[in-house]
Amino acid sequence: MKHEKKLEGLKLYTAAMQSPFTKMLTDARIIFSDDLINQKVMSYLYRHVYPQYEEIIKLSGGGIAGRHRLQDHLRYVGNRRIPNRDRRKNNVGRYLDMAAGQFISKLKI
């Protein structure tokens, strides 16, 4: 049982590292090397945040236009995240999860 859970975590981590969203987050300077080597953070992003990024792209018209809209959102989020100043923003996974959820709500209006 424990071995299966560890294997599942490793699969999620590997998938997260291969995701184009990981590159987008590093390009936007939202996640850094400490985050990239943290299996728990990357697995959380893959399970909770990346599906929302897919939805943002879809709601924004898909394709290149949708990706540009997501990149704009990531720049906005990255510019407002100062982790040491606001303790709520220290957990990058939860912060991105909340930000994506709020952005999706705005897109649906």
N, C-alpha and C. Protein backbone atom coordinates (compact mmCIF):
# COMPACT_ATOMS: atom_id res chain seq x y z
N MET A 1 0.83 -1.19 0.00
CA MET A 1 0.00 0.00 0.00
C MET A 1 0.87 1.26 0.00
N LYS A 2 1.85 1.30 0.90
CA LYS A 2 2.74 2.45 0.99
C LYS A 2 3.56 2.60 -0.29
N HIS A 3 4.00 1.47 -0.83
CA HIS A 3 4.78 1.46 -2.06
C HIS A 3 3.94 2.01 -3.23
N GLU A 4 2.67 1.62 -3.29
CA GLU A 4 1.78 2.08 -4.36
C GLU A 4 1.56 3.59 -4.28
N LYS A 5 1.41 4.11 -3.06
CA LYS A 5 1.21 5.54 -2.87
C LYS A 5 2.45 6.32 -3.31
N LYS A 6 3.62 5.79 -2.97
CA LYS A 6 4.87 6.43 -3.36
C LYS A 6 5.03 6.42 -4.88
N LEU A 7 4.67 5.31 -5.50
CA LEU A 7 4.74 5.18 -6.95
C LEU A 7 3.78 6.16 -7.63
N GLU A 8 2.58 6.30 -7.08
CA GLU A 8 1.60 7.23 -7.63
C GLU A 8 2.11 8.67 -7.53
N GLY A 9 2.72 9.01 -6.39
CA GLY A 9 3.29 10.34 -6.21
C GLY A 9 4.39 10.61 -7.21
N LEU A 10 5.20 9.62 -7.48
CA LEU A 10 6.29 9.75 -8.45
C LEU A 10 5.74 9.95 -9.86
N LYS A 11 4.65 9.26 -10.19
CA LYS A 11 4.02 9.42 -11.51
C LYS A 11 3.47 10.84 -11.67
N LEU A 12 2.81 11.36 -10.63
CA LEU A 12 2.29 12.72 -10.67
C LEU A 12 3.42 13.74 -10.83
N TYR A 13 4.49 13.52 -10.07
CA TYR A 13 5.65 14.42 -10.13
C TYR A 13 6.24 14.43 -11.54
N THR A 14 6.41 13.26 -12.12
CA THR A 14 6.97 13.15 -13.46
C THR A 14 6.07 13.85 -14.48
N ALA A 15 4.78 13.64 -14.36
CA ALA A 15 3.83 14.29 -15.28
C ALA A 15 3.88 15.81 -15.12
N ALA A 16 3.99 16.28 -13.88
CA ALA A 16 4.06 17.72 -13.64
C ALA A 16 5.32 18.31 -14.25
N MET A 17 6.42 17.61 -14.13
CA MET A 17 7.68 18.11 -14.66
C MET A 17 7.67 18.17 -16.19
N GLN A 18 6.86 17.33 -16.82
CA GLN A 18 6.78 17.30 -18.28
C GLN A 18 5.70 18.25 -18.82
N SER A 19 4.93 18.83 -17.94
CA SER A 19 3.82 19.69 -18.36
C SER A 19 4.33 21.04 -18.87
N PRO A 20 3.73 21.55 -19.94
CA PRO A 20 4.10 22.88 -20.42
C PRO A 20 3.75 23.97 -19.41
N PHE A 21 2.81 23.69 -18.51
CA PHE A 21 2.45 24.68 -17.50
C PHE A 21 3.59 24.91 -16.51
N THR A 22 4.39 23.88 -16.26
CA THR A 22 5.54 24.04 -15.38
C THR A 22 6.52 25.05 -15.97
N LYS A 23 6.75 24.95 -17.26
CA LYS A 23 7.63 25.92 -17.93
C LYS A 23 7.04 27.31 -17.88
N MET A 24 5.74 27.41 -18.08
CA MET A 24 5.09 28.73 -18.03
C MET A 24 5.26 29.36 -16.64
N LEU A 25 5.12 28.55 -15.60
CA LEU A 25 5.27 29.06 -14.24
C LEU A 25 6.70 29.47 -13.93
N THR A 26 7.66 28.73 -14.45
CA THR A 26 9.06 29.12 -14.22
C THR A 26 9.41 30.36 -15.04
N ASP A 27 8.91 30.44 -16.26
CA ASP A 27 9.14 31.63 -17.09
C ASP A 27 8.55 32.88 -16.45
N ALA A 28 7.41 32.72 -15.77
CA ALA A 28 6.75 33.85 -15.11
C ALA A 28 7.36 34.12 -13.73
N ARG A 29 8.35 33.33 -13.36
CA ARG A 29 9.05 33.45 -12.07
C ARG A 29 8.10 33.33 -10.88
N ILE A 30 7.23 32.33 -11.00
CA ILE A 30 6.29 32.04 -9.91
C ILE A 30 6.78 30.83 -9.11
N ILE A 31 7.34 29.86 -9.82
CA ILE A 31 7.96 28.74 -9.12
C ILE A 31 9.45 28.74 -9.43
N PHE A 32 10.22 28.24 -8.46
CA PHE A 32 11.68 28.27 -8.57
C PHE A 32 12.23 26.87 -8.35
N SER A 33 13.53 26.75 -8.35
CA SER A 33 14.17 25.44 -8.24
C SER A 33 13.75 24.69 -6.98
N ASP A 34 13.57 25.39 -5.87
CA ASP A 34 13.11 24.72 -4.64
C ASP A 34 11.74 24.07 -4.85
N ASP A 35 10.89 24.74 -5.59
CA ASP A 35 9.56 24.18 -5.87
C ASP A 35 9.66 23.00 -6.84
N LEU A 36 10.53 23.14 -7.83
CA LEU A 36 10.68 22.10 -8.84
C LEU A 36 11.18 20.78 -8.27
N ILE A 37 11.98 20.84 -7.24
CA ILE A 37 12.49 19.59 -6.66
C ILE A 37 11.60 19.08 -5.53
N ASN A 38 10.55 19.81 -5.22
CA ASN A 38 9.63 19.40 -4.16
C ASN A 38 8.49 18.58 -4.78
N GLN A 39 8.54 17.28 -4.59
CA GLN A 39 7.56 16.38 -5.20
C GLN A 39 6.14 16.71 -4.76
N LYS A 40 5.96 17.09 -3.51
CA LYS A 40 4.63 17.40 -2.98
C LYS A 40 4.03 18.63 -3.68
N VAL A 41 4.84 19.67 -3.84
CA VAL A 41 4.37 20.90 -4.50
C VAL A 41 4.00 20.61 -5.95
N MET A 42 4.89 19.93 -6.66
CA MET A 42 4.64 19.68 -8.08
C MET A 42 3.45 18.76 -8.30
N SER A 43 3.27 17.78 -7.43
CA SER A 43 2.11 16.88 -7.53
C SER A 43 0.82 17.66 -7.28
N TYR A 44 0.86 18.56 -6.29
CA TYR A 44 -0.32 19.39 -6.00
C TYR A 44 -0.67 20.24 -7.22
N LEU A 45 0.33 20.88 -7.81
CA LEU A 45 0.08 21.70 -8.99
C LEU A 45 -0.55 20.87 -10.10
N TYR A 46 -0.02 19.68 -10.32
CA TYR A 46 -0.52 18.83 -11.39
C TYR A 46 -1.96 18.39 -11.14
N ARG A 47 -2.27 18.07 -9.90
CA ARG A 47 -3.63 17.58 -9.59
C ARG A 47 -4.66 18.70 -9.51
N HIS A 48 -4.28 19.86 -8.97
CA HIS A 48 -5.26 20.88 -8.65
C HIS A 48 -5.21 22.12 -9.54
N VAL A 49 -4.03 22.53 -9.92
CA VAL A 49 -3.88 23.80 -10.64
C VAL A 49 -3.88 23.62 -12.15
N TYR A 50 -3.13 22.65 -12.64
CA TYR A 50 -3.01 22.48 -14.09
C TYR A 50 -4.35 22.20 -14.78
N PRO A 51 -5.26 21.44 -14.18
CA PRO A 51 -6.58 21.28 -14.81
C PRO A 51 -7.33 22.61 -14.95
N GLN A 52 -7.12 23.50 -13.98
CA GLN A 52 -7.75 24.81 -14.07
C GLN A 52 -7.12 25.64 -15.18
N TYR A 53 -5.83 25.47 -15.40
CA TYR A 53 -5.17 26.17 -16.50
C TYR A 53 -5.73 25.69 -17.84
N GLU A 54 -6.00 24.39 -17.94
CA GLU A 54 -6.64 23.86 -19.16
C GLU A 54 -8.00 24.54 -19.36
N GLU A 55 -8.74 24.70 -18.28
CA GLU A 55 -10.06 25.34 -18.38
C GLU A 55 -9.94 26.80 -18.77
N ILE A 56 -8.95 27.50 -18.24
CA ILE A 56 -8.73 28.90 -18.61
C ILE A 56 -8.47 29.01 -20.10
N ILE A 57 -7.63 28.14 -20.63
CA ILE A 57 -7.34 28.14 -22.06
C ILE A 57 -8.61 27.88 -22.86
N LYS A 58 -9.38 26.91 -22.43
CA LYS A 58 -10.62 26.56 -23.12
C LYS A 58 -11.63 27.71 -23.09
N LEU A 59 -11.82 28.32 -21.91
CA LEU A 59 -12.77 29.42 -21.76
C LEU A 59 -12.32 30.68 -22.51
N SER A 60 -11.02 30.76 -22.80
CA SER A 60 -10.47 31.94 -23.49
C SER A 60 -10.39 31.74 -25.00
N GLY A 61 -11.02 30.70 -25.49
CA GLY A 61 -11.07 30.48 -26.93
C GLY A 61 -10.14 29.40 -27.43
N GLY A 62 -9.35 28.83 -26.54
CA GLY A 62 -8.46 27.74 -26.93
C GLY A 62 -7.28 28.21 -27.75
N GLY A 63 -6.44 27.29 -28.12
CA GLY A 63 -5.30 27.57 -28.99
C GLY A 63 -4.36 28.63 -28.46
N ILE A 64 -3.79 29.38 -29.38
CA ILE A 64 -2.80 30.40 -29.04
C ILE A 64 -3.45 31.52 -28.22
N ALA A 65 -4.66 31.92 -28.58
CA ALA A 65 -5.34 32.99 -27.84
C ALA A 65 -5.54 32.60 -26.38
N GLY A 66 -5.94 31.36 -26.15
CA GLY A 66 -6.15 30.88 -24.79
C GLY A 66 -4.84 30.83 -24.01
N ARG A 67 -3.77 30.40 -24.67
CA ARG A 67 -2.46 30.34 -24.00
C ARG A 67 -1.97 31.74 -23.64
N HIS A 68 -2.20 32.71 -24.54
CA HIS A 68 -1.80 34.09 -24.25
C HIS A 68 -2.59 34.64 -23.06
N ARG A 69 -3.86 34.30 -23.00
CA ARG A 69 -4.68 34.74 -21.86
C ARG A 69 -4.15 34.14 -20.56
N LEU A 70 -3.77 32.87 -20.59
CA LEU A 70 -3.20 32.23 -19.41
C LEU A 70 -1.87 32.88 -19.04
N GLN A 71 -1.03 33.17 -20.02
CA GLN A 71 0.25 33.82 -19.73
C GLN A 71 0.03 35.20 -19.12
N ASP A 72 -0.97 35.94 -19.59
CA ASP A 72 -1.30 37.24 -18.99
C ASP A 72 -1.70 37.06 -17.53
N HIS A 73 -2.52 36.04 -17.28
CA HIS A 73 -2.94 35.75 -15.90
C HIS A 73 -1.73 35.42 -15.03
N LEU A 74 -0.82 34.61 -15.54
CA LEU A 74 0.36 34.23 -14.76
C LEU A 74 1.27 35.43 -14.48
N ARG A 75 1.41 36.33 -15.45
CA ARG A 75 2.19 37.54 -15.20
C ARG A 75 1.55 38.38 -14.10
N TYR A 76 0.22 38.50 -14.17
CA TYR A 76 -0.52 39.25 -13.15
C TYR A 76 -0.31 38.63 -11.77
N VAL A 77 -0.47 37.32 -11.68
CA VAL A 77 -0.31 36.61 -10.41
C VAL A 77 1.13 36.73 -9.91
N GLY A 78 2.08 36.57 -10.79
CA GLY A 78 3.48 36.65 -10.41
C GLY A 78 3.88 38.03 -9.89
N ASN A 79 3.31 39.07 -10.48
CA ASN A 79 3.63 40.43 -10.05
C ASN A 79 3.05 40.76 -8.67
N ARG A 80 2.04 40.04 -8.25
CA ARG A 80 1.38 40.33 -6.98
C ARG A 80 1.78 39.39 -5.86
N ARG A 81 2.57 38.41 -6.16
CA ARG A 81 2.96 37.43 -5.14
C ARG A 81 4.28 37.82 -4.50
N ILE A 82 4.20 38.22 -3.25
CA ILE A 82 5.39 38.52 -2.45
C ILE A 82 5.27 37.65 -1.21
N PRO A 83 5.77 36.40 -1.27
CA PRO A 83 5.51 35.40 -0.22
C PRO A 83 5.90 35.83 1.19
N ASN A 84 7.03 36.47 1.34
CA ASN A 84 7.48 36.82 2.69
C ASN A 84 6.64 37.92 3.33
N ARG A 85 5.98 38.70 2.52
CA ARG A 85 5.18 39.79 3.03
C ARG A 85 3.79 39.32 3.45
N ASP A 86 3.26 38.32 2.77
CA ASP A 86 1.91 37.83 3.04
C ASP A 86 1.98 36.32 3.24
N ARG A 87 1.79 35.87 4.48
CA ARG A 87 1.95 34.44 4.80
C ARG A 87 0.99 33.56 4.01
N ARG A 88 -0.17 34.09 3.62
CA ARG A 88 -1.12 33.29 2.85
C ARG A 88 -0.56 32.92 1.48
N LYS A 89 0.39 33.69 1.00
CA LYS A 89 0.96 33.44 -0.32
C LYS A 89 2.21 32.57 -0.28
N ASN A 90 2.60 32.10 0.92
CA ASN A 90 3.78 31.25 1.04
C ASN A 90 3.59 29.90 0.36
N ASN A 91 2.40 29.34 0.45
CA ASN A 91 2.13 28.04 -0.17
C ASN A 91 1.78 28.28 -1.64
N VAL A 92 2.75 28.10 -2.50
CA VAL A 92 2.58 28.45 -3.91
C VAL A 92 1.45 27.65 -4.56
N GLY A 93 1.29 26.38 -4.19
CA GLY A 93 0.23 25.56 -4.77
C GLY A 93 -1.15 26.10 -4.46
N ARG A 94 -1.39 26.36 -3.19
CA ARG A 94 -2.71 26.89 -2.80
C ARG A 94 -2.96 28.28 -3.37
N TYR A 95 -1.92 29.10 -3.39
CA TYR A 95 -2.05 30.44 -3.94
C TYR A 95 -2.45 30.39 -5.42
N LEU A 96 -1.77 29.56 -6.18
CA LEU A 96 -2.09 29.43 -7.61
C LEU A 96 -3.46 28.79 -7.81
N ASP A 97 -3.82 27.86 -6.95
CA ASP A 97 -5.13 27.22 -7.00
C ASP A 97 -6.23 28.26 -6.82
N MET A 98 -6.09 29.09 -5.80
CA MET A 98 -7.09 30.13 -5.54
C MET A 98 -7.13 31.17 -6.66
N ALA A 99 -5.96 31.58 -7.13
CA ALA A 99 -5.90 32.59 -8.19
C ALA A 99 -6.55 32.08 -9.47
N ALA A 100 -6.29 30.83 -9.82
CA ALA A 100 -6.88 30.25 -11.03
C ALA A 100 -8.39 30.13 -10.88
N GLY A 101 -8.85 29.70 -9.71
CA GLY A 101 -10.29 29.58 -9.47
C GLY A 101 -11.00 30.92 -9.59
N GLN A 102 -10.39 31.96 -9.05
CA GLN A 102 -10.99 33.29 -9.14
C GLN A 102 -10.99 33.79 -10.59
N PHE A 103 -9.93 33.51 -11.32
CA PHE A 103 -9.86 33.94 -12.71
C PHE A 103 -10.91 33.22 -13.55
N ILE A 104 -11.11 31.94 -13.30
CA ILE A 104 -12.14 31.18 -14.02
C ILE A 104 -13.52 31.76 -13.74
N SER A 105 -13.76 32.13 -12.49
CA SER A 105 -15.05 32.75 -12.14
C SER A 105 -15.28 34.03 -12.93
N LYS A 106 -14.23 34.83 -13.10
CA LYS A 106 -14.34 36.06 -13.88
C LYS A 106 -14.60 35.76 -15.36
N LEU A 107 -13.96 34.73 -15.87
CA LEU A 107 -14.14 34.38 -17.29
C LEU A 107 -15.56 33.90 -17.58
N LYS A 108 -16.19 33.28 -16.58
CA LYS A 108 -17.53 32.74 -16.78
C LYS A 108 -18.63 33.79 -16.70
N ILE A 109 -18.29 34.98 -16.25
CA ILE A 109 -19.29 36.05 -16.13
C ILE A 109 -19.65 36.58 -17.48
